[in-house]
Amino acid sequence: MPKARRRSAHRSERFEDMALPDELLGVLAGQGLESAFEIQSAILPDALAGRDVLARAETGSGKTLAFTLAMTARFRGRKVHKRRPLGVVLVPTRELAVQVVDTIHPFARAVGTSAQLVAGGMNIEKQADAVARGVGIVVATPGRLIDLAERGAIQLDLVETTVIDEADHMADLGFLPDVRDILAAIPMGTQKMLFSATLDGQVEEIVDAFLVDPVSHETTPVTAAVKTMDHHVLAIAPEAKRAVTAQLAARGGRTLMFTRTQLGAERVAQELIEVGVPAAALHGNKQQGLRTNVLAGFRQGAFPVLVATDVAARGLHIDDITMVVHVDPSDDVKEYVHRSGRTARAGAAGSVVTLALPHQRSSSRRILDGAEVEPHWVEGVSSAEHPALAGLGGRTPAGVPAEDPATVKYKGAPRKLDLSRSRGADGRKAEERRANEERRASWEEEPEPRGRRGGQESPRSGGGRPGGGRARGAAAERNRQRGAGPDGGGERRGRSAGTGKGQGRGRSGAPSRAPRRRGGR
């Protein structure tokens, strides 16, 4: 039976009115932060008091800073122990883990403690050595934390505060069985804070099993986050998609574009480079050092366009993104909301554009209706000269190939990052794509005789995009992505929950993976 929950009556607007140490107030002042956001005002009094907290908040609401302040205030001046952290933050992806640990670092240093990143796709020996020396807070993806625990490199018996961030995203990726195993290895009665956009299904089970009399807080519902943005849908012709995408990418300001597959992200980024728009791809199949480097460059404003799969849609905060473009329309409402939530964060302005091919229009209408937004529809966008593009700030690209941003090393990238294998725009592939476009155009001009079965793609099977054979490659890529989470080697999907007694703990009380059920998916 679900626990009874209540809302806290605590409210505060300025950080200096809260029970925060002077060291933290100094860091906040140095970052120009004086007033708390709604979620911070709501949860900080209870979090500082050591209460369990259950919070539902819109994307970009400032929850990372909220639990950062609570944890660092509680661990101020505390002694750290080898292999035994005082706090654990669990997040679903490596990118979010990097962002969270970067947020924590200045506040942790100010109060005399430390934070360590523990995530898949990175050197596990270095992470184990850092934890062995003693850290106050570990920011981890679930799979890698269990890997370290099974090695005996980390123990969770002294953990006093546990944060589960983006719990609904972990559920979507199949990581909650790992989260359950980790929580089973942490002493009951210690503080736990869970943040999620939705509080149902597996998330509800985690709450009922591990949180004790949690104080519940809810700010604006997740669907309302997209209502502060301008939404546009361009109903485009298949042959115009590449030119329209380039026109939007060449606009002034920082732009984030989403594709459905890793292959699509690389292809779109490459096409933009070829026409003179510096762009880089971000997806789960890219080496972690390269992903960190690309994000660092985009955050610094070194290039204006990032083309990403949904690995970037959850939790990442990048300042001043003024437009999100759904190059491939979202598959569901939740995906649309979280993709779109990368712009118009914390009250800023932003625009969201969806490029809908003829066979995608009905599904796009359904998704937008579910998100409870009223977009501006533009029909008949058959070329990059359509006036709607100019109204969105679109500009004609330079036409001269740009330097590939992925071949440049940016501040904040790993020191030993090897970019020697990276290349700029591939002229051979560009010629192949153009040849495929000409071949497609000739097919469309000459109707296929009835009864004939050719080897060409239809606009529907190819997603309406130029590039022969892409549909088959995209389908294979999508199926391959579903077999592995964005956390890389440390994350796996499809584990059973393992709720029986004794499960979830390995040697010395360390978490271990639950056994698989035979016949499971």
Protein backbone atom coordinates (compact mmCIF):
# COMPACT_ATOMS: atom_id res chain seq x y z
CA MET A 1 0.00 0.00 0.00
CA PRO A 2 1.42 3.42 -0.91
CA LYS A 3 2.79 5.46 1.93
CA ALA A 4 0.92 8.55 3.05
CA ARG A 5 2.72 11.65 1.90
CA ARG A 6 2.35 15.25 2.82
CA ARG A 7 3.52 18.53 1.39
CA SER A 8 5.88 20.70 3.36
CA ALA A 9 4.71 24.15 4.36
CA HIS A 10 8.28 25.51 4.22
CA ARG A 11 8.79 28.29 1.72
CA SER A 12 11.72 30.61 1.18
CA GLU A 13 12.85 32.77 -1.69
CA ARG A 14 16.39 33.89 -0.90
CA PHE A 15 19.30 31.55 -0.20
CA GLU A 16 20.50 33.73 2.66
CA ASP A 17 17.19 33.11 4.44
CA MET A 18 17.86 29.37 4.49
CA ALA A 19 19.99 27.43 6.94
CA LEU A 20 22.97 27.24 4.60
CA PRO A 21 26.63 27.56 5.71
CA ASP A 22 28.45 30.77 4.86
CA GLU A 23 30.82 28.83 2.58
CA LEU A 24 27.93 27.77 0.35
CA LEU A 25 26.41 31.24 0.36
CA GLY A 26 29.77 32.56 -0.82
CA VAL A 27 29.85 30.15 -3.77
CA LEU A 28 26.26 31.04 -4.66
CA ALA A 29 27.08 34.74 -4.58
CA GLY A 30 30.14 34.13 -6.74
CA GLN A 31 27.91 32.45 -9.33
CA GLY A 32 25.45 35.34 -9.20
CA LEU A 33 22.71 33.29 -7.50
CA GLU A 34 20.68 35.05 -4.84
CA SER A 35 17.08 33.81 -5.12
CA ALA A 36 16.05 30.16 -5.13
CA PHE A 37 13.88 28.58 -7.80
CA GLU A 38 10.55 27.12 -6.78
CA ILE A 39 11.78 23.53 -6.33
CA GLN A 40 14.81 24.71 -4.33
CA SER A 41 12.65 26.76 -1.98
CA ALA A 42 10.32 23.80 -1.57
CA ILE A 43 12.71 20.96 -0.80
CA LEU A 44 15.76 22.55 0.84
CA PRO A 45 14.29 22.96 4.35
CA ASP A 46 13.24 19.30 4.47
CA ALA A 47 16.42 18.06 2.78
CA LEU A 48 18.64 20.01 5.18
CA ALA A 49 16.68 18.47 8.07
CA GLY A 50 17.50 14.96 6.82
CA ARG A 51 13.96 14.07 5.71
CA ASP A 52 13.25 11.73 2.81
CA VAL A 53 12.08 13.78 -0.16
CA LEU A 54 9.96 12.82 -3.15
CA ALA A 55 9.94 15.55 -5.79
CA ARG A 56 8.28 15.99 -9.14
CA ALA A 57 9.48 19.03 -11.02
CA GLU A 58 9.62 20.34 -14.56
CA THR A 59 12.77 20.02 -16.62
CA GLY A 60 15.27 22.82 -16.00
CA SER A 61 13.76 23.63 -12.60
CA GLY A 62 17.05 23.66 -10.67
CA LYS A 63 16.75 20.39 -8.77
CA THR A 64 20.46 19.55 -9.20
CA LEU A 65 21.45 22.65 -7.24
CA ALA A 66 18.81 21.82 -4.63
CA PHE A 67 20.23 18.42 -3.69
CA THR A 68 23.80 19.69 -4.14
CA LEU A 69 23.25 22.36 -1.47
CA ALA A 70 21.52 19.90 0.84
CA MET A 71 24.28 17.27 0.62
CA THR A 72 27.26 19.59 0.86
CA ALA A 73 25.70 21.43 3.81
CA ARG A 74 25.15 18.15 5.66
CA PHE A 75 28.71 16.89 4.92
CA ARG A 76 30.46 20.15 5.79
CA GLY A 77 33.76 19.41 7.51
CA ARG A 78 33.04 15.68 7.75
CA LYS A 79 35.83 13.13 7.62
CA VAL A 80 35.87 10.92 4.53
CA HIS A 81 36.72 7.22 4.67
CA LYS A 82 38.50 5.02 2.18
CA ARG A 83 36.05 3.30 -0.18
CA ARG A 84 33.10 4.50 1.93
CA PRO A 85 31.36 7.64 0.60
CA LEU A 86 28.88 9.62 2.68
CA GLY A 87 26.60 10.45 -0.25
CA VAL A 88 25.59 8.77 -3.51
CA VAL A 89 23.84 10.39 -6.50
CA LEU A 90 22.46 7.96 -9.10
CA VAL A 91 21.80 9.25 -12.62
CA PRO A 92 20.85 7.42 -15.83
CA THR A 93 23.51 8.64 -18.28
CA ARG A 94 27.18 9.53 -18.39
CA GLU A 95 26.49 13.03 -19.71
CA LEU A 96 24.18 13.81 -16.82
CA ALA A 97 26.70 12.35 -14.38
CA VAL A 98 29.40 14.68 -15.73
CA GLN A 99 27.06 17.66 -15.47
CA VAL A 100 26.02 16.83 -11.90
CA VAL A 101 29.56 16.31 -10.64
CA ASP A 102 30.62 19.61 -12.24
CA THR A 103 27.79 21.33 -10.35
CA ILE A 104 28.80 19.73 -7.06
CA HIS A 105 32.56 20.36 -7.24
CA PRO A 106 32.74 24.06 -6.22
CA PHE A 107 30.30 23.59 -3.33
CA ALA A 108 32.05 20.42 -2.13
CA ARG A 109 35.45 22.14 -2.14
CA ALA A 110 34.02 25.08 -0.21
CA VAL A 111 32.92 22.86 2.71
CA GLY A 112 36.01 20.64 2.74
CA THR A 113 34.71 17.53 1.02
CA SER A 114 34.97 16.10 -2.51
CA ALA A 115 32.94 14.53 -5.30
CA GLN A 116 33.90 11.74 -7.69
CA LEU A 117 32.42 10.71 -11.03
CA VAL A 118 31.78 6.97 -11.44
CA ALA A 119 30.37 6.14 -14.88
CA GLY A 120 30.67 3.59 -17.65
CA GLY A 121 32.78 4.23 -20.73
CA MET A 122 35.63 5.62 -18.60
CA ASN A 123 38.70 4.06 -16.99
CA ILE A 124 37.36 1.94 -14.14
CA GLU A 125 40.78 1.58 -12.48
CA LYS A 126 41.16 5.34 -12.11
CA GLN A 127 37.68 5.60 -10.67
CA ALA A 128 38.39 2.77 -8.22
CA ASP A 129 41.65 4.44 -7.12
CA ALA A 130 39.89 7.76 -6.52
CA VAL A 131 37.19 6.14 -4.39
CA ALA A 132 39.81 4.13 -2.52
CA ARG A 133 41.51 7.35 -1.42
CA GLY A 134 38.25 8.56 0.07
CA VAL A 135 35.52 10.86 -1.31
CA GLY A 136 32.50 12.50 0.25
CA ILE A 137 30.02 12.19 -2.63
CA VAL A 138 29.94 9.69 -5.49
CA VAL A 139 27.97 10.63 -8.63
CA ALA A 140 27.35 7.39 -10.48
CA THR A 141 25.51 5.54 -13.17
CA PRO A 142 24.01 2.38 -11.64
CA GLY A 143 25.86 -0.22 -13.71
CA ARG A 144 29.33 1.16 -13.04
CA LEU A 145 28.63 1.58 -9.31
CA ILE A 146 27.68 -2.11 -9.13
CA ASP A 147 30.81 -3.02 -11.11
CA LEU A 148 32.96 -1.25 -8.48
CA ALA A 149 31.02 -2.83 -5.62
CA GLU A 150 31.49 -6.31 -7.05
CA ARG A 151 35.23 -5.62 -7.20
CA GLY A 152 35.20 -4.56 -3.56
CA ALA A 153 36.31 -1.07 -4.62
CA ILE A 154 33.37 0.68 -2.92
CA GLN A 155 31.20 -0.03 0.10
CA LEU A 156 27.90 1.67 0.87
CA ASP A 157 27.52 0.96 4.59
CA LEU A 158 28.34 4.55 5.63
CA VAL A 159 26.11 6.32 3.08
CA GLU A 160 23.92 8.89 4.80
CA THR A 161 22.21 10.54 1.80
CA THR A 162 21.17 8.91 -1.49
CA VAL A 163 19.76 10.83 -4.46
CA ILE A 164 17.99 9.11 -7.36
CA ASP A 165 17.76 11.63 -10.19
CA GLU A 166 15.64 11.22 -13.35
CA ALA A 167 14.05 8.07 -11.90
CA ASP A 168 11.46 7.86 -14.68
CA HIS A 169 14.22 7.93 -17.30
CA MET A 170 15.98 5.08 -15.47
CA ALA A 171 12.72 3.15 -15.64
CA ASP A 172 12.47 3.80 -19.39
CA LEU A 173 16.01 2.49 -19.89
CA GLY A 174 15.52 -0.58 -17.71
CA PHE A 175 17.93 0.50 -14.95
CA LEU A 176 15.60 0.40 -11.93
CA PRO A 177 16.51 -3.20 -10.99
CA ASP A 178 20.09 -1.98 -10.55
CA VAL A 179 18.85 0.98 -8.50
CA ARG A 180 16.89 -1.41 -6.31
CA ASP A 181 20.00 -3.55 -5.73
CA ILE A 182 22.03 -0.48 -4.78
CA LEU A 183 19.38 0.84 -2.37
CA ALA A 184 19.19 -2.61 -0.76
CA ALA A 185 22.89 -2.30 0.12
CA ILE A 186 22.46 1.14 1.75
CA PRO A 187 21.30 1.21 5.40
CA MET A 188 17.57 1.71 5.82
CA GLY A 189 16.60 4.87 7.66
CA THR A 190 19.23 6.99 5.95
CA GLN A 191 18.09 9.97 3.90
CA LYS A 192 16.86 9.31 0.37
CA MET A 193 15.74 11.89 -2.19
CA LEU A 194 14.03 10.82 -5.40
CA PHE A 195 13.41 13.14 -8.35
CA SER A 196 11.21 12.11 -11.24
CA ALA A 197 8.98 13.69 -13.86
CA THR A 198 6.39 10.95 -13.32
CA LEU A 199 5.67 9.01 -10.14
CA ASP A 200 4.06 5.75 -11.19
CA GLY A 201 4.85 2.13 -12.07
CA GLN A 202 8.35 1.01 -11.10
CA VAL A 203 9.17 4.41 -9.63
CA GLU A 204 6.25 4.04 -7.22
CA GLU A 205 7.58 0.62 -6.21
CA ILE A 206 11.00 2.11 -5.38
CA VAL A 207 9.35 4.83 -3.30
CA ASP A 208 7.23 2.35 -1.34
CA ALA A 209 10.14 -0.02 -0.73
CA PHE A 210 12.90 2.38 0.32
CA LEU A 211 11.64 5.84 1.28
CA VAL A 212 10.38 6.39 4.83
CA ASP A 213 7.52 8.89 5.28
CA PRO A 214 8.77 11.06 2.40
CA VAL A 215 7.77 14.69 2.10
CA SER A 216 6.25 15.15 -1.34
CA HIS A 217 6.78 18.25 -3.47
CA GLU A 218 5.44 19.00 -6.90
CA THR A 219 6.03 22.12 -8.93
CA THR A 220 4.70 22.72 -12.43
CA PRO A 221 3.56 19.49 -14.17
CA VAL A 222 6.04 18.22 -16.71
CA THR A 223 3.77 18.93 -19.71
CA ALA A 224 3.47 22.58 -18.68
CA ALA A 225 7.21 23.11 -19.18
CA VAL A 226 6.75 23.17 -22.95
CA LYS A 227 3.97 25.78 -22.83
CA THR A 228 6.44 28.65 -22.35
CA MET A 229 8.01 27.91 -25.75
CA ASP A 230 7.00 28.82 -29.29
CA HIS A 231 6.12 25.63 -31.16
CA HIS A 232 6.22 25.28 -34.94
CA VAL A 233 5.62 22.37 -37.29
CA LEU A 234 6.92 22.57 -40.84
CA ALA A 235 5.14 20.11 -43.14
CA ILE A 236 7.98 19.59 -45.58
CA ALA A 237 8.48 17.74 -48.83
CA PRO A 238 10.99 14.85 -48.59
CA GLU A 239 13.35 16.36 -51.15
CA ALA A 240 13.54 19.63 -49.17
CA LYS A 241 14.45 18.17 -45.78
CA ARG A 242 18.22 18.50 -46.01
CA ALA A 243 18.08 22.09 -47.28
CA VAL A 244 15.50 23.10 -44.65
CA THR A 245 17.60 21.54 -41.89
CA ALA A 246 20.67 23.46 -43.09
CA GLN A 247 18.70 26.71 -43.30
CA LEU A 248 17.60 26.40 -39.66
CA ALA A 249 21.08 25.35 -38.53
CA ALA A 250 22.63 28.44 -40.12
CA ARG A 251 20.49 30.80 -38.02
CA GLY A 252 22.08 32.97 -35.35
CA GLY A 253 22.15 31.49 -31.86
CA ARG A 254 22.73 28.08 -30.36
CA THR A 255 20.68 25.24 -31.86
CA LEU A 256 20.13 21.66 -30.69
CA MET A 257 18.87 19.17 -33.27
CA PHE A 258 17.47 15.72 -32.54
CA THR A 259 17.53 12.62 -34.73
CA ARG A 260 16.10 9.20 -34.06
CA THR A 261 19.29 7.19 -34.63
CA GLN A 262 23.03 7.46 -34.07
CA LEU A 263 23.58 7.04 -37.81
CA GLY A 264 21.18 9.91 -38.46
CA ALA A 265 22.99 12.20 -36.01
CA GLU A 266 26.34 11.59 -37.70
CA ARG A 267 24.84 12.04 -41.16
CA VAL A 268 23.08 15.33 -40.38
CA ALA A 269 26.18 16.76 -38.66
CA GLN A 270 28.30 15.79 -41.66
CA GLU A 271 25.86 17.36 -44.13
CA LEU A 272 25.85 20.61 -42.15
CA ILE A 273 29.65 20.74 -42.12
CA GLU A 274 29.68 20.24 -45.89
CA VAL A 275 27.50 23.31 -46.47
CA GLY A 276 29.44 25.51 -44.05
CA VAL A 277 27.66 25.09 -40.68
CA PRO A 278 29.97 23.86 -37.88
CA ALA A 279 28.10 21.01 -36.18
CA ALA A 280 28.99 17.96 -34.11
CA ALA A 281 27.13 14.75 -33.30
CA LEU A 282 26.44 13.39 -29.81
CA HIS A 283 25.21 9.83 -29.26
CA GLY A 284 25.79 6.73 -27.17
CA ASN A 285 28.09 4.98 -29.65
CA LYS A 286 30.69 7.77 -29.53
CA GLN A 287 33.72 7.23 -27.31
CA GLN A 288 33.23 8.89 -23.93
CA GLY A 289 36.20 11.21 -24.28
CA LEU A 290 34.88 12.46 -27.62
CA ARG A 291 31.41 12.97 -26.15
CA THR A 292 32.87 14.99 -23.29
CA ASN A 293 34.92 17.05 -25.73
CA VAL A 294 31.92 17.77 -27.99
CA LEU A 295 29.77 18.86 -25.04
CA ALA A 296 32.57 21.07 -23.72
CA GLY A 297 32.91 22.82 -27.07
CA PHE A 298 29.18 23.33 -27.47
CA ARG A 299 28.84 24.73 -23.94
CA GLN A 300 31.69 27.15 -24.60
CA GLY A 301 30.08 28.38 -27.81
CA ALA A 302 32.90 27.09 -30.00
CA PHE A 303 30.33 25.87 -32.57
CA PRO A 304 26.62 26.66 -32.88
CA VAL A 305 24.90 23.33 -33.63
CA LEU A 306 24.77 20.04 -31.75
CA VAL A 307 23.03 17.08 -33.41
CA ALA A 308 22.02 14.48 -30.86
CA THR A 309 20.03 11.37 -30.22
CA ASP A 310 17.82 11.21 -27.14
CA VAL A 311 20.87 10.57 -24.94
CA ALA A 312 21.00 14.39 -24.70
CA ALA A 313 17.30 14.92 -24.12
CA ARG A 314 17.21 14.14 -20.41
CA GLY A 315 18.69 16.23 -17.65
CA LEU A 316 21.45 18.01 -19.56
CA HIS A 317 21.56 21.76 -19.04
CA ILE A 318 23.30 23.85 -21.68
CA ASP A 319 22.87 27.60 -21.41
CA ASP A 320 21.38 29.76 -24.14
CA ILE A 321 19.94 27.12 -26.46
CA THR A 322 17.42 29.25 -28.33
CA MET A 323 16.02 26.61 -30.66
CA VAL A 324 15.38 22.87 -30.59
CA VAL A 325 14.75 21.21 -33.97
CA HIS A 326 13.12 17.77 -34.15
CA VAL A 327 14.76 16.65 -37.39
CA ASP A 328 13.10 13.30 -36.74
CA PRO A 329 9.77 13.84 -34.93
CA SER A 330 9.42 12.39 -31.44
CA ASP A 331 7.84 8.97 -30.96
CA ASP A 332 5.83 9.89 -27.87
CA VAL A 333 4.76 12.82 -25.71
CA LYS A 334 7.37 12.30 -22.99
CA GLU A 335 10.16 12.28 -25.56
CA TYR A 336 8.84 15.48 -27.15
CA VAL A 337 8.64 17.24 -23.79
CA HIS A 338 12.15 16.35 -22.70
CA ARG A 339 13.74 17.07 -26.05
CA SER A 340 11.99 20.42 -26.19
CA GLY A 341 12.93 21.14 -22.58
CA ARG A 342 16.54 21.79 -23.61
CA THR A 343 15.42 25.32 -24.58
CA ALA A 344 13.41 27.94 -22.66
CA ARG A 345 14.94 26.75 -19.40
CA ALA A 346 14.31 28.57 -16.13
CA GLY A 347 11.96 31.05 -17.76
CA ALA A 348 14.10 31.92 -20.79
CA ALA A 349 12.59 32.21 -24.27
CA GLY A 350 12.96 29.50 -26.87
CA SER A 351 11.51 27.98 -30.04
CA VAL A 352 10.81 24.37 -30.95
CA VAL A 353 10.52 23.27 -34.58
CA THR A 354 9.36 19.86 -35.82
CA LEU A 355 10.07 18.80 -39.40
CA ALA A 356 7.19 16.54 -40.45
CA LEU A 357 7.26 14.54 -43.66
CA PRO A 358 3.91 13.61 -45.27
CA HIS A 359 3.66 10.25 -43.46
CA GLN A 360 4.62 11.85 -40.12
CA ARG A 361 1.98 14.57 -39.95
CA SER A 362 -0.78 12.62 -38.23
CA SER A 363 1.58 11.23 -35.56
CA SER A 364 3.04 14.72 -35.02
CA ARG A 365 -0.45 16.11 -34.43
CA ARG A 366 -1.13 13.36 -31.92
CA ILE A 367 2.13 14.00 -30.03
CA LEU A 368 1.57 17.76 -29.88
CA ASP A 369 -2.02 17.31 -28.72
CA GLY A 370 -0.76 15.04 -25.96
CA ALA A 371 1.80 17.66 -24.93
CA GLU A 372 -1.06 20.17 -24.67
CA VAL A 373 0.55 22.77 -26.89
CA GLU A 374 -0.85 24.66 -29.88
CA PRO A 375 1.86 24.83 -32.53
CA HIS A 376 1.95 27.07 -35.58
CA TRP A 377 1.56 24.72 -38.55
CA VAL A 378 3.09 25.65 -41.88
CA GLU A 379 2.00 23.53 -44.85
CA GLY A 380 3.71 23.05 -48.15
CA VAL A 381 7.34 23.76 -47.27
CA SER A 382 8.88 22.49 -50.50
CA SER A 383 12.15 24.43 -50.50
CA ALA A 384 14.54 26.39 -48.30
CA GLU A 385 13.18 29.61 -49.80
CA HIS A 386 9.86 29.29 -47.98
CA PRO A 387 9.15 32.52 -46.02
CA ALA A 388 8.41 30.57 -42.80
CA LEU A 389 12.11 29.74 -42.51
CA ALA A 390 13.11 33.40 -42.58
CA GLY A 391 10.54 34.04 -39.86
CA LEU A 392 12.31 31.45 -37.71
CA GLY A 393 15.67 33.12 -38.29
CA GLY A 394 16.82 30.69 -40.97
CA ARG A 395 19.67 31.76 -43.22
CA THR A 396 21.37 30.39 -46.30
CA PRO A 397 24.58 28.51 -45.32
CA ALA A 398 27.94 29.71 -46.60
CA GLY A 399 28.26 26.74 -48.95
CA VAL A 400 31.96 26.24 -48.18
CA PRO A 401 32.82 23.21 -45.97
CA ALA A 402 33.48 24.20 -42.37
CA GLU A 403 36.03 22.81 -39.96
CA ASP A 404 34.70 19.73 -38.18
CA PRO A 405 34.27 20.72 -34.50
CA ALA A 406 34.87 17.11 -33.47
CA THR A 407 38.51 17.39 -34.60
CA VAL A 408 39.25 20.21 -32.14
CA LYS A 409 40.13 19.73 -28.48
CA TYR A 410 38.29 22.03 -26.08
CA LYS A 411 38.93 23.11 -22.52
CA GLY A 412 37.41 20.57 -20.17
CA ALA A 413 38.08 17.58 -22.43
CA PRO A 414 40.16 14.64 -21.12
CA ARG A 415 43.87 15.45 -21.12
CA LYS A 416 44.81 12.35 -23.14
CA LEU A 417 42.04 12.72 -25.70
CA ASP A 418 43.12 11.26 -29.05
CA LEU A 419 41.65 13.11 -32.02
CA SER A 420 44.02 11.64 -34.59
CA ARG A 421 41.33 9.31 -35.95
CA SER A 422 38.78 12.09 -36.35
CA ARG A 423 38.22 13.48 -39.82
CA GLY A 424 36.37 16.42 -41.23
CA ALA A 425 33.70 16.34 -43.93
CA ASP A 426 34.09 13.21 -46.06
CA GLY A 427 34.06 14.23 -49.72
CA ARG A 428 33.54 10.69 -50.99
CA LYS A 429 30.47 10.13 -48.83
CA ALA A 430 29.13 13.53 -49.85
CA GLU A 431 29.38 12.56 -53.53
CA GLU A 432 27.67 9.25 -52.82
CA ARG A 433 24.81 11.04 -51.08
CA ARG A 434 24.39 13.47 -53.96
CA ALA A 435 24.35 10.58 -56.45
CA ASN A 436 21.71 8.84 -54.37
CA GLU A 437 19.62 12.02 -54.33
CA GLU A 438 19.78 12.27 -58.13
CA ARG A 439 18.83 8.59 -58.41
CA ARG A 440 15.89 9.11 -56.04
CA ALA A 441 14.71 12.14 -58.00
CA SER A 442 14.73 10.11 -61.24
CA TRP A 443 12.69 7.36 -59.56
CA GLU A 444 10.12 9.84 -58.36
CA GLU A 445 9.81 11.39 -61.81
CA GLU A 446 9.29 8.01 -63.53
CA PRO A 447 6.30 6.13 -62.01
CA GLU A 448 7.01 2.49 -61.37
CA PRO A 449 5.09 0.09 -63.68
CA ARG A 450 2.39 -1.90 -61.89
CA GLY A 451 3.61 -5.26 -60.64
CA ARG A 452 7.30 -4.33 -60.76
CA ARG A 453 9.37 -4.64 -57.61
CA GLY A 454 12.46 -2.49 -57.71
CA GLY A 455 15.31 -2.21 -55.24
CA GLN A 456 14.75 1.48 -54.56
CA GLU A 457 13.34 2.90 -51.33
CA SER A 458 10.00 4.64 -51.14
CA PRO A 459 9.85 7.97 -49.33
CA ARG A 460 8.04 6.19 -46.49
CA SER A 461 10.56 3.37 -46.06
CA GLY A 462 13.47 5.78 -46.23
CA GLY A 463 11.98 8.26 -43.82
CA GLY A 464 11.71 10.64 -46.78
CA ARG A 465 15.39 11.48 -46.56
CA PRO A 466 18.02 11.42 -49.26
CA GLY A 467 20.67 8.74 -49.04
CA GLY A 468 20.15 5.27 -50.54
CA GLY A 469 19.80 2.37 -48.10
CA ARG A 470 19.29 4.60 -45.09
CA ALA A 471 16.04 2.97 -43.98
CA ARG A 472 17.67 -0.41 -43.53
CA GLY A 473 20.65 1.16 -41.76
CA ALA A 474 18.43 3.27 -39.52
CA ALA A 475 16.32 0.27 -38.52
CA ALA A 476 19.41 -1.78 -37.70
CA GLU A 477 20.91 1.14 -35.80
CA ARG A 478 17.73 1.64 -33.77
CA ASN A 479 17.55 -2.03 -32.87
CA ARG A 480 21.21 -1.99 -31.88
CA GLN A 481 20.70 1.08 -29.67
CA ARG A 482 17.89 -0.65 -27.82
CA GLY A 483 20.28 -3.37 -26.75
CA ALA A 484 22.49 -1.03 -24.71
CA GLY A 485 21.83 1.96 -22.50
CA PRO A 486 23.51 5.30 -22.97
CA ASP A 487 25.73 4.58 -20.01
CA GLY A 488 27.87 2.34 -22.19
CA GLY A 489 29.53 -0.79 -20.86
CA GLY A 490 28.40 -0.30 -17.29
CA GLU A 491 24.69 -0.31 -18.14
CA ARG A 492 22.60 -3.28 -19.21
CA ARG A 493 18.90 -3.71 -19.78
CA GLY A 494 16.29 -6.30 -19.07
CA ARG A 495 17.31 -7.45 -15.58
CA SER A 496 14.67 -8.82 -13.28
CA ALA A 497 13.93 -6.82 -10.16
CA GLY A 498 15.04 -9.52 -7.75
CA THR A 499 12.82 -8.59 -4.84
CA GLY A 500 13.39 -11.72 -2.76
CA LYS A 501 15.20 -11.66 0.55
CA GLY A 502 18.94 -11.58 0.33
CA GLN A 503 19.01 -10.33 -3.23
CA GLY A 504 20.73 -7.10 -4.05
CA ARG A 505 23.75 -7.70 -1.79
CA GLY A 506 27.08 -9.26 -2.62
CA ARG A 507 30.07 -9.81 -0.39
CA SER A 508 30.38 -7.50 2.62
CA GLY A 509 26.91 -6.11 1.92
CA ALA A 510 27.90 -4.74 -1.49
CA PRO A 511 25.16 -4.56 -4.13
CA SER A 512 25.15 -7.26 -6.76
CA ARG A 513 23.11 -7.77 -9.85
CA ALA A 514 19.86 -9.70 -9.48
CA PRO A 515 19.76 -13.07 -11.29
CA ARG A 516 17.99 -13.21 -14.63
CA ARG A 517 14.72 -15.06 -14.97
CA ARG A 518 14.70 -17.74 -17.63
CA GLY A 519 12.46 -16.97 -20.51
CA GLY A 520 12.58 -13.24 -19.78
CA ARG A 521 12.98 -10.66 -22.44
